[in-house]
PDB file of N, CA and C in Angstrom:
ATOM      1  N   UNK A   1     -20.166 -11.554  16.627  1.00  0.00           N
ATOM      2  CA  UNK A   1     -18.905 -11.203  16.010  1.00  0.00           C
ATOM      3  C   UNK A   1     -19.013 -11.460  14.505  1.00  0.00           C
ATOM      4  N   UNK A   2     -18.565 -10.509  13.735  1.00  0.00           N
ATOM      5  CA  UNK A   2     -18.643 -10.653  12.280  1.00  0.00           C
ATOM      6  C   UNK A   2     -17.484 -11.508  11.763  1.00  0.00           C
ATOM      7  N   UNK A   3     -17.575 -11.865  10.505  1.00  0.00           N
ATOM      8  CA  UNK A   3     -16.515 -12.668   9.884  1.00  0.00           C
ATOM      9  C   UNK A   3     -15.201 -11.891   9.871  1.00  0.00           C
ATOM     10  N   UNK A   4     -15.285 -10.607   9.587  1.00  0.00           N
ATOM     11  CA  UNK A   4     -14.078  -9.786   9.534  1.00  0.00           C
ATOM     12  C   UNK A   4     -13.426  -9.686  10.906  1.00  0.00           C
ATOM     13  N   UNK A   5     -14.225  -9.500  11.938  1.00  0.00           N
ATOM     14  CA  UNK A   5     -13.676  -9.429  13.291  1.00  0.00           C
ATOM     15  C   UNK A   5     -13.027 -10.751  13.690  1.00  0.00           C
ATOM     16  N   UNK A   6     -13.672 -11.870  13.351  1.00  0.00           N
ATOM     17  CA  UNK A   6     -13.105 -13.180  13.670  1.00  0.00           C
ATOM     18  C   UNK A   6     -11.796 -13.392  12.917  1.00  0.00           C
ATOM     19  N   UNK A   7     -11.746 -12.973  11.664  1.00  0.00           N
ATOM     20  CA  UNK A   7     -10.522 -13.102  10.878  1.00  0.00           C
ATOM     21  C   UNK A   7      -9.393 -12.288  11.499  1.00  0.00           C
ATOM     22  N   UNK A   8      -9.695 -11.051  11.895  1.00  0.00           N
ATOM     23  CA  UNK A   8      -8.664 -10.216  12.502  1.00  0.00           C
ATOM     24  C   UNK A   8      -8.177 -10.810  13.822  1.00  0.00           C
ATOM     25  N   UNK A   9      -9.080 -11.357  14.614  1.00  0.00           N
ATOM     26  CA  UNK A   9      -8.694 -11.997  15.868  1.00  0.00           C
ATOM     27  C   UNK A   9      -7.813 -13.227  15.610  1.00  0.00           C
ATOM     28  N   UNK A  10      -8.202 -14.040  14.639  1.00  0.00           N
ATOM     29  CA  UNK A  10      -7.399 -15.222  14.298  1.00  0.00           C
ATOM     30  C   UNK A  10      -6.025 -14.831  13.775  1.00  0.00           C
ATOM     31  N   UNK A  11      -5.964 -13.767  12.969  1.00  0.00           N
ATOM     32  CA  UNK A  11      -4.684 -13.286  12.452  1.00  0.00           C
ATOM     33  C   UNK A  11      -3.795 -12.804  13.590  1.00  0.00           C
ATOM     34  N   UNK A  12      -4.373 -12.077  14.524  1.00  0.00           N
ATOM     35  CA  UNK A  12      -3.616 -11.590  15.686  1.00  0.00           C
ATOM     36  C   UNK A  12      -3.087 -12.758  16.513  1.00  0.00           C
ATOM     37  N   UNK A  13      -3.919 -13.737  16.781  1.00  0.00           N
ATOM     38  CA  UNK A  13      -3.487 -14.902  17.574  1.00  0.00           C
ATOM     39  C   UNK A  13      -2.397 -15.687  16.862  1.00  0.00           C
ATOM     40  N   UNK A  14      -2.526 -15.832  15.540  1.00  0.00           N
ATOM     41  CA  UNK A  14      -1.499 -16.542  14.778  1.00  0.00           C
ATOM     42  C   UNK A  14      -0.176 -15.793  14.841  1.00  0.00           C
ATOM     43  N   UNK A  15      -0.224 -14.476  14.752  1.00  0.00           N
ATOM     44  CA  UNK A  15       1.002 -13.679  14.836  1.00  0.00           C
ATOM     45  C   UNK A  15       1.639 -13.805  16.214  1.00  0.00           C
ATOM     46  N   UNK A  16       0.838 -13.868  17.257  1.00  0.00           N
ATOM     47  CA  UNK A  16       1.359 -14.003  18.623  1.00  0.00           C
ATOM     48  C   UNK A  16       2.053 -15.346  18.842  1.00  0.00           C
ATOM     49  N   UNK A  17       1.572 -16.387  18.167  1.00  0.00           N
ATOM     50  CA  UNK A  17       2.130 -17.724  18.339  1.00  0.00           C
ATOM     51  C   UNK A  17       3.132 -18.097  17.244  1.00  0.00           C
ATOM     52  N   UNK A  18       3.412 -17.176  16.337  1.00  0.00           N
ATOM     53  CA  UNK A  18       4.373 -17.431  15.274  1.00  0.00           C
ATOM     54  C   UNK A  18       3.866 -18.401  14.215  1.00  0.00           C
ATOM     55  N   UNK A  19       2.577 -18.493  14.054  1.00  0.00           N
ATOM     56  CA  UNK A  19       1.972 -19.392  13.073  1.00  0.00           C
ATOM     57  C   UNK A  19       1.597 -18.601  11.817  1.00  0.00           C
ATOM     58  N   UNK A  20       1.415 -19.281  10.685  1.00  0.00           N
ATOM     59  CA  UNK A  20       0.990 -18.560   9.478  1.00  0.00           C
ATOM     60  C   UNK A  20      -0.435 -18.028   9.633  1.00  0.00           C
ATOM     61  N   UNK A  21      -0.698 -16.911   8.993  1.00  0.00           N
ATOM     62  CA  UNK A  21      -2.024 -16.299   9.066  1.00  0.00           C
ATOM     63  C   UNK A  21      -3.039 -17.146   8.304  1.00  0.00           C
ATOM     64  N   UNK A  22      -4.280 -17.185   8.782  1.00  0.00           N
ATOM     65  CA  UNK A  22      -5.322 -17.934   8.058  1.00  0.00           C
ATOM     66  C   UNK A  22      -5.689 -17.215   6.759  1.00  0.00           C
ATOM     67  N   UNK A  23      -6.267 -17.935   5.799  1.00  0.00           N
ATOM     68  CA  UNK A  23      -6.679 -17.271   4.548  1.00  0.00           C
ATOM     69  C   UNK A  23      -7.811 -16.281   4.818  1.00  0.00           C
ATOM     70  N   UNK A  24      -7.830 -15.224   4.055  1.00  0.00           N
ATOM     71  CA  UNK A  24      -8.869 -14.209   4.206  1.00  0.00           C
ATOM     72  C   UNK A  24     -10.230 -14.785   3.826  1.00  0.00           C
ATOM     73  N   UNK A  25     -11.303 -14.287   4.448  1.00  0.00           N
ATOM     74  CA  UNK A  25     -12.639 -14.764   4.079  1.00  0.00           C
ATOM     75  C   UNK A  25     -12.927 -14.489   2.604  1.00  0.00           C
ATOM     76  N   UNK A  26     -13.426 -15.508   1.913  1.00  0.00           N
ATOM     77  CA  UNK A  26     -13.763 -15.360   0.512  1.00  0.00           C
ATOM     78  C   UNK A  26     -12.601 -15.569  -0.435  1.00  0.00           C
ATOM     79  N   UNK A  27     -11.426 -15.920   0.091  1.00  0.00           N
ATOM     80  CA  UNK A  27     -10.253 -16.071  -0.764  1.00  0.00           C
ATOM     81  C   UNK A  27     -10.381 -17.244  -1.725  1.00  0.00           C
ATOM     82  N   UNK A  28     -11.138 -18.262  -1.358  1.00  0.00           N
ATOM     83  CA  UNK A  28     -11.241 -19.468  -2.185  1.00  0.00           C
ATOM     84  C   UNK A  28     -12.646 -19.677  -2.742  1.00  0.00           C
ATOM     85  N   UNK A  29     -13.478 -18.654  -2.742  1.00  0.00           N
ATOM     86  CA  UNK A  29     -14.862 -18.801  -3.200  1.00  0.00           C
ATOM     87  C   UNK A  29     -14.950 -19.178  -4.677  1.00  0.00           C
ATOM     88  N   UNK A  30     -14.190 -18.511  -5.526  1.00  0.00           N
ATOM     89  CA  UNK A  30     -14.253 -18.788  -6.966  1.00  0.00           C
ATOM     90  C   UNK A  30     -13.804 -20.213  -7.256  1.00  0.00           C
ATOM     91  N   UNK A  31     -12.754 -20.664  -6.583  1.00  0.00           N
ATOM     92  CA  UNK A  31     -12.264 -22.030  -6.782  1.00  0.00           C
ATOM     93  C   UNK A  31     -13.301 -23.055  -6.323  1.00  0.00           C
ATOM     94  N   UNK A  32     -13.972 -22.768  -5.216  1.00  0.00           N
ATOM     95  CA  UNK A  32     -14.991 -23.679  -4.707  1.00  0.00           C
ATOM     96  C   UNK A  32     -16.163 -23.792  -5.682  1.00  0.00           C
ATOM     97  N   UNK A  33     -16.603 -22.683  -6.228  1.00  0.00           N
ATOM     98  CA  UNK A  33     -17.706 -22.693  -7.197  1.00  0.00           C
ATOM     99  C   UNK A  33     -17.301 -23.457  -8.449  1.00  0.00           C
ATOM    100  N   UNK A  34     -16.067 -23.260  -8.908  1.00  0.00           N
ATOM    101  CA  UNK A  34     -15.567 -23.969 -10.085  1.00  0.00           C
ATOM    102  C   UNK A  34     -15.538 -25.473  -9.845  1.00  0.00           C
ATOM    103  N   UNK A  35     -15.062 -25.889  -8.672  1.00  0.00           N
ATOM    104  CA  UNK A  35     -15.008 -27.315  -8.353  1.00  0.00           C
ATOM    105  C   UNK A  35     -16.407 -27.916  -8.245  1.00  0.00           C
ATOM    106  N   UNK A  36     -17.346 -27.177  -7.683  1.00  0.00           N
ATOM    107  CA  UNK A  36     -18.720 -27.663  -7.587  1.00  0.00           C
ATOM    108  C   UNK A  36     -19.331 -27.847  -8.973  1.00  0.00           C
ATOM    109  N   UNK A  37     -19.086 -26.903  -9.877  1.00  0.00           N
ATOM    110  CA  UNK A  37     -19.602 -27.011 -11.237  1.00  0.00           C
ATOM    111  C   UNK A  37     -19.010 -28.234 -11.941  1.00  0.00           C
ATOM    112  N   UNK A  38     -17.711 -28.456 -11.784  1.00  0.00           N
ATOM    113  CA  UNK A  38     -17.077 -29.624 -12.398  1.00  0.00           C
ATOM    114  C   UNK A  38     -17.615 -30.925 -11.807  1.00  0.00           C
ATOM    115  N   UNK A  39     -17.862 -30.947 -10.508  1.00  0.00           N
ATOM    116  CA  UNK A  39     -18.405 -32.142  -9.866  1.00  0.00           C
ATOM    117  C   UNK A  39     -19.805 -32.450 -10.391  1.00  0.00           C
ATOM    118  N   UNK A  40     -20.634 -31.420 -10.549  1.00  0.00           N
ATOM    119  CA  UNK A  40     -21.994 -31.626 -11.060  1.00  0.00           C
ATOM    120  C   UNK A  40     -21.966 -32.117 -12.502  1.00  0.00           C
ATOM    121  N   UNK A  41     -21.036 -31.604 -13.310  1.00  0.00           N
ATOM    122  CA  UNK A  41     -20.898 -32.100 -14.682  1.00  0.00           C
ATOM    123  C   UNK A  41     -20.472 -33.561 -14.681  1.00  0.00           C
ATOM    124  N   UNK A  42     -19.547 -33.909 -13.810  1.00  0.00           N
ATOM    125  CA  UNK A  42     -19.091 -35.295 -13.707  1.00  0.00           C
ATOM    126  C   UNK A  42     -20.245 -36.211 -13.320  1.00  0.00           C
ATOM    127  N   UNK A  43     -21.028 -35.809 -12.317  1.00  0.00           N
ATOM    128  CA  UNK A  43     -22.156 -36.631 -11.881  1.00  0.00           C
ATOM    129  C   UNK A  43     -23.189 -36.789 -12.996  1.00  0.00           C
ATOM    130  N   UNK A  44     -23.386 -35.742 -13.805  1.00  0.00           N
ATOM    131  CA  UNK A  44     -24.328 -35.824 -14.915  1.00  0.00           C
ATOM    132  C   UNK A  44     -23.856 -36.846 -15.939  1.00  0.00           C
ATOM    133  N   UNK A  45     -22.571 -36.843 -16.260  1.00  0.00           N
ATOM    134  CA  UNK A  45     -22.032 -37.784 -17.237  1.00  0.00           C
ATOM    135  C   UNK A  45     -22.129 -39.206 -16.711  1.00  0.00           C
ATOM    136  N   UNK A  46     -21.790 -39.411 -15.446  1.00  0.00           N
ATOM    137  CA  UNK A  46     -21.858 -40.745 -14.856  1.00  0.00           C
ATOM    138  C   UNK A  46     -23.297 -41.261 -14.854  1.00  0.00           C
ATOM    139  N   UNK A  47     -24.260 -40.365 -14.681  1.00  0.00           N
ATOM    140  CA  UNK A  47     -25.671 -40.751 -14.666  1.00  0.00           C
ATOM    141  C   UNK A  47     -26.261 -40.895 -16.065  1.00  0.00           C
ATOM    142  N   UNK A  48     -25.490 -40.563 -17.088  1.00  0.00           N
ATOM    143  CA  UNK A  48     -25.972 -40.696 -18.459  1.00  0.00           C
ATOM    144  C   UNK A  48     -26.749 -39.501 -18.961  1.00  0.00           C
ATOM    145  N   UNK A  49     -26.612 -38.374 -18.295  1.00  0.00           N
ATOM    146  CA  UNK A  49     -27.287 -37.150 -18.740  1.00  0.00           C
ATOM    147  C   UNK A  49     -26.269 -36.256 -19.444  1.00  0.00           C
ATOM    148  N   UNK A  50     -26.726 -35.323 -20.264  1.00  0.00           N
ATOM    149  CA  UNK A  50     -25.773 -34.404 -20.899  1.00  0.00           C
ATOM    150  C   UNK A  50     -25.126 -33.508 -19.849  1.00  0.00           C
ATOM    151  N   UNK A  51     -23.841 -33.244 -20.012  1.00  0.00           N
ATOM    152  CA  UNK A  51     -23.105 -32.461 -19.032  1.00  0.00           C
ATOM    153  C   UNK A  51     -23.317 -30.961 -19.209  1.00  0.00           C
ATOM    154  N   UNK A  52     -23.676 -30.540 -20.411  1.00  0.00           N
ATOM    155  CA  UNK A  52     -23.855 -29.106 -20.665  1.00  0.00           C
ATOM    156  C   UNK A  52     -25.205 -28.855 -21.309  1.00  0.00           C
ATOM    157  N   UNK A  53     -25.714 -27.652 -21.121  1.00  0.00           N
ATOM    158  CA  UNK A  53     -26.935 -27.236 -21.783  1.00  0.00           C
ATOM    159  C   UNK A  53     -28.210 -27.764 -21.150  1.00  0.00           C
ATOM    160  N   UNK A  54     -28.139 -28.266 -19.943  1.00  0.00           N
ATOM    161  CA  UNK A  54     -29.322 -28.842 -19.317  1.00  0.00           C
ATOM    162  C   UNK A  54     -30.348 -27.770 -18.962  1.00  0.00           C
ATOM    163  N   UNK A  55     -29.892 -26.640 -18.485  1.00  0.00           N
ATOM    164  CA  UNK A  55     -30.832 -25.574 -18.098  1.00  0.00           C
ATOM    165  C   UNK A  55     -31.501 -24.991 -19.340  1.00  0.00           C
ATOM    166  N   UNK A  56     -30.708 -24.749 -20.381  1.00  0.00           N
ATOM    167  CA  UNK A  56     -31.274 -24.196 -21.614  1.00  0.00           C
ATOM    168  C   UNK A  56     -32.270 -25.174 -22.224  1.00  0.00           C
ATOM    169  N   UNK A  57     -31.962 -26.462 -22.199  1.00  0.00           N
ATOM    170  CA  UNK A  57     -32.879 -27.465 -22.720  1.00  0.00           C
ATOM    171  C   UNK A  57     -34.171 -27.525 -21.923  1.00  0.00           C
ATOM    172  N   UNK A  58     -34.060 -27.430 -20.596  1.00  0.00           N
ATOM    173  CA  UNK A  58     -35.256 -27.463 -19.756  1.00  0.00           C
ATOM    174  C   UNK A  58     -36.110 -26.221 -19.979  1.00  0.00           C
ATOM    175  N   UNK A  59     -35.470 -25.071 -20.117  1.00  0.00           N
ATOM    176  CA  UNK A  59     -36.232 -23.845 -20.375  1.00  0.00           C
ATOM    177  C   UNK A  59     -36.911 -23.905 -21.739  1.00  0.00           C
ATOM    178  N   UNK A  60     -36.217 -24.427 -22.741  1.00  0.00           N
ATOM    179  CA  UNK A  60     -36.813 -24.551 -24.063  1.00  0.00           C
ATOM    180  C   UNK A  60     -38.000 -25.490 -24.044  1.00  0.00           C
ATOM    181  N   UNK A  61     -37.873 -26.587 -23.310  1.00  0.00           N
ATOM    182  CA  UNK A  61     -38.969 -27.545 -23.186  1.00  0.00           C
ATOM    183  C   UNK A  61     -40.168 -26.878 -22.519  1.00  0.00           C
ATOM    184  N   UNK A  62     -39.896 -26.111 -21.466  1.00  0.00           N
ATOM    185  CA  UNK A  62     -40.967 -25.454 -20.727  1.00  0.00           C
ATOM    186  C   UNK A  62     -41.637 -24.362 -21.571  1.00  0.00           C
ATOM    187  N   UNK A  63     -40.838 -23.575 -22.278  1.00  0.00           N
ATOM    188  CA  UNK A  63     -41.385 -22.478 -23.080  1.00  0.00           C
ATOM    189  C   UNK A  63     -42.210 -22.976 -24.267  1.00  0.00           C
ATOM    190  N   UNK A  64     -41.874 -24.137 -24.799  1.00  0.00           N
ATOM    191  CA  UNK A  64     -42.569 -24.652 -25.971  1.00  0.00           C
ATOM    192  C   UNK A  64     -43.625 -25.689 -25.607  1.00  0.00           C
ATOM    193  N   UNK A  65     -44.076 -25.675 -24.381  1.00  0.00           N
ATOM    194  CA  UNK A  65     -45.171 -26.532 -23.963  1.00  0.00           C
ATOM    195  C   UNK A  65     -44.859 -28.016 -23.959  1.00  0.00           C
ATOM    196  N   UNK A  66     -43.630 -28.382 -23.651  1.00  0.00           N
ATOM    197  CA  UNK A  66     -43.272 -29.789 -23.559  1.00  0.00           C
ATOM    198  C   UNK A  66     -42.859 -30.416 -24.854  1.00  0.00           C
ATOM    199  N   UNK A  67     -42.806 -29.648 -25.932  1.00  0.00           N
ATOM    200  CA  UNK A  67     -42.365 -30.187 -27.218  1.00  0.00           C
ATOM    201  C   UNK A  67     -40.890 -29.854 -27.407  1.00  0.00           C
ATOM    202  N   UNK A  68     -40.156 -30.764 -27.969  1.00  0.00           N
ATOM    203  CA  UNK A  68     -38.747 -30.514 -28.266  1.00  0.00           C
ATOM    204  C   UNK A  68     -38.660 -29.579 -29.464  1.00  0.00           C
ATOM    205  N   UNK A  69     -37.886 -28.528 -29.323  1.00  0.00           N
ATOM    206  CA  UNK A  69     -37.741 -27.551 -30.398  1.00  0.00           C
ATOM    207  C   UNK A  69     -36.262 -27.489 -30.763  1.00  0.00           C
ATOM    208  N   UNK A  70     -35.879 -27.878 -31.963  1.00  0.00           N
ATOM    209  CA  UNK A  70     -34.464 -27.946 -32.328  1.00  0.00           C
ATOM    210  C   UNK A  70     -33.745 -26.613 -32.325  1.00  0.00           C
ATOM    211  N   UNK A  71     -34.457 -25.498 -32.390  1.00  0.00           N
ATOM    212  CA  UNK A  71     -33.813 -24.189 -32.419  1.00  0.00           C
ATOM    213  C   UNK A  71     -33.320 -23.743 -31.040  1.00  0.00           C
ATOM    214  N   UNK A  72     -33.753 -24.399 -29.990  1.00  0.00           N
ATOM    215  CA  UNK A  72     -33.372 -23.964 -28.638  1.00  0.00           C
ATOM    216  C   UNK A  72     -32.054 -24.539 -28.220  1.00  0.00           C
TER     217      UNK A  72
END
């Protein structure tokens, strides 16, 4: 059974029992991704690492052979 079929079945059952319909699949995906990003930034700060620019810094380090390059 696909996600859409399960959602339609759950919606039908909720309507039969007079309950509110469940949220549609994917309705909260953007909010979940946003919360995960904020949590990872928080964990970075608590650990003493920079909260932003970590990927760009790592790529710059890798591209320049392990030397810190201020332009990156």
